[in-house]
Structures are given as structure tokens and as C-alpha cells.
Amino acid sequence: MSHFVGLDVSENEVSNCVVNAAGNVRARATVAAASDLIAAFIERSTPGAERVVHVGALP
């Protein structure tokens, strides 16, 4: 089944959410804004993610 990852990026942390094709939440976590922590969450929660999108505010 397809999985999608959404990232809500702020200066100090990133909220991560994984949903399946039906829109059901499969995993959710907030991690420090560090690329290795974000990648580890994605790899752990959905290694076959089809798409990763992010939201970030402009100053």
C-alpha cells in the first residue's frame, strides 16, 4: 500500500506524519530539526514512502 509523509518544518523542530492511501494516520512524531533525525523517522516508519512533502512558513 502507498504511504505518504508530511513534514511541518519550524526553526527548531519538525512534525512528521505518515498516512496511507486511504488517509489513515500510520505514524506521527515530532523531532529536532536535524536531517538525520528526520531521515531516521521516515526510514523507520515507512521505508517505501511514495512522496514526502513539507510545509514551512516564510519570515
Protein backbone atom coordinates (compact mmCIF):
# COMPACT_ATOMS: atom_id res chain seq x y z
CA MET A 1 0.00 0.00 0.00
CA SER A 2 1.18 3.52 -0.75
CA HIS A 3 2.34 5.74 2.09
CA PHE A 4 2.93 9.49 2.13
CA VAL A 5 4.95 11.60 4.58
CA GLY A 6 4.15 15.19 5.56
CA LEU A 7 6.67 17.40 7.33
CA ASP A 8 5.70 20.62 9.12
CA VAL A 9 9.03 22.42 9.43
CA SER A 10 9.80 25.10 12.01
CA GLU A 11 13.10 26.55 13.12
CA ASN A 12 13.77 24.09 15.95
CA GLU A 13 11.59 21.05 15.26
CA VAL A 14 9.79 19.11 12.54
CA SER A 15 6.39 17.47 13.00
CA ASN A 16 6.16 14.32 10.87
CA CYS A 17 3.04 12.42 9.84
CA VAL A 18 2.71 9.28 7.71
CA VAL A 19 -0.64 8.41 6.08
CA ASN A 20 -1.66 5.55 3.83
CA ALA A 21 -3.56 5.89 0.54
CA ALA A 22 -6.86 5.77 2.44
CA GLY A 23 -5.78 8.76 4.56
CA ASN A 24 -5.32 6.80 7.79
CA VAL A 25 -2.51 8.03 10.04
CA ARG A 26 0.14 5.31 10.33
CA ALA A 27 2.77 7.20 12.37
CA ARG A 28 3.32 10.62 13.90
CA ALA A 29 6.27 12.20 15.70
CA THR A 30 8.00 15.50 16.38
CA VAL A 31 11.79 15.55 16.14
CA ALA A 32 14.51 18.18 16.32
CA ALA A 33 15.14 19.98 13.02
CA ALA A 34 18.08 17.78 12.03
CA SER A 35 18.20 15.95 8.71
CA ASP A 36 19.48 12.69 10.23
CA LEU A 37 16.57 12.55 12.71
CA ILE A 38 14.02 13.30 10.00
CA ALA A 39 15.50 10.63 7.71
CA ALA A 40 15.55 8.09 10.56
CA PHE A 41 11.85 8.68 11.26
CA ILE A 42 10.95 8.23 7.59
CA GLU A 43 13.07 5.10 7.21
CA ARG A 44 11.68 3.58 10.42
CA SER A 45 8.01 4.38 9.82
CA THR A 46 7.68 3.90 6.06
CA PRO A 47 10.71 2.74 4.09
CA GLY A 48 8.68 2.64 0.86
CA ALA A 49 7.29 6.18 1.03
CA GLU A 50 5.96 7.32 -2.33
CA ARG A 51 6.05 11.02 -1.61
CA VAL A 52 7.44 13.35 1.05
CA VAL A 53 6.10 16.92 1.26
CA HIS A 54 6.93 19.74 3.64
CA VAL A 55 5.31 22.93 4.88
CA GLY A 56 7.37 25.84 6.10
CA ALA A 57 6.45 29.39 6.99
CA LEU A 58 8.09 32.33 5.30
CA PRO A 59 9.50 35.05 7.55
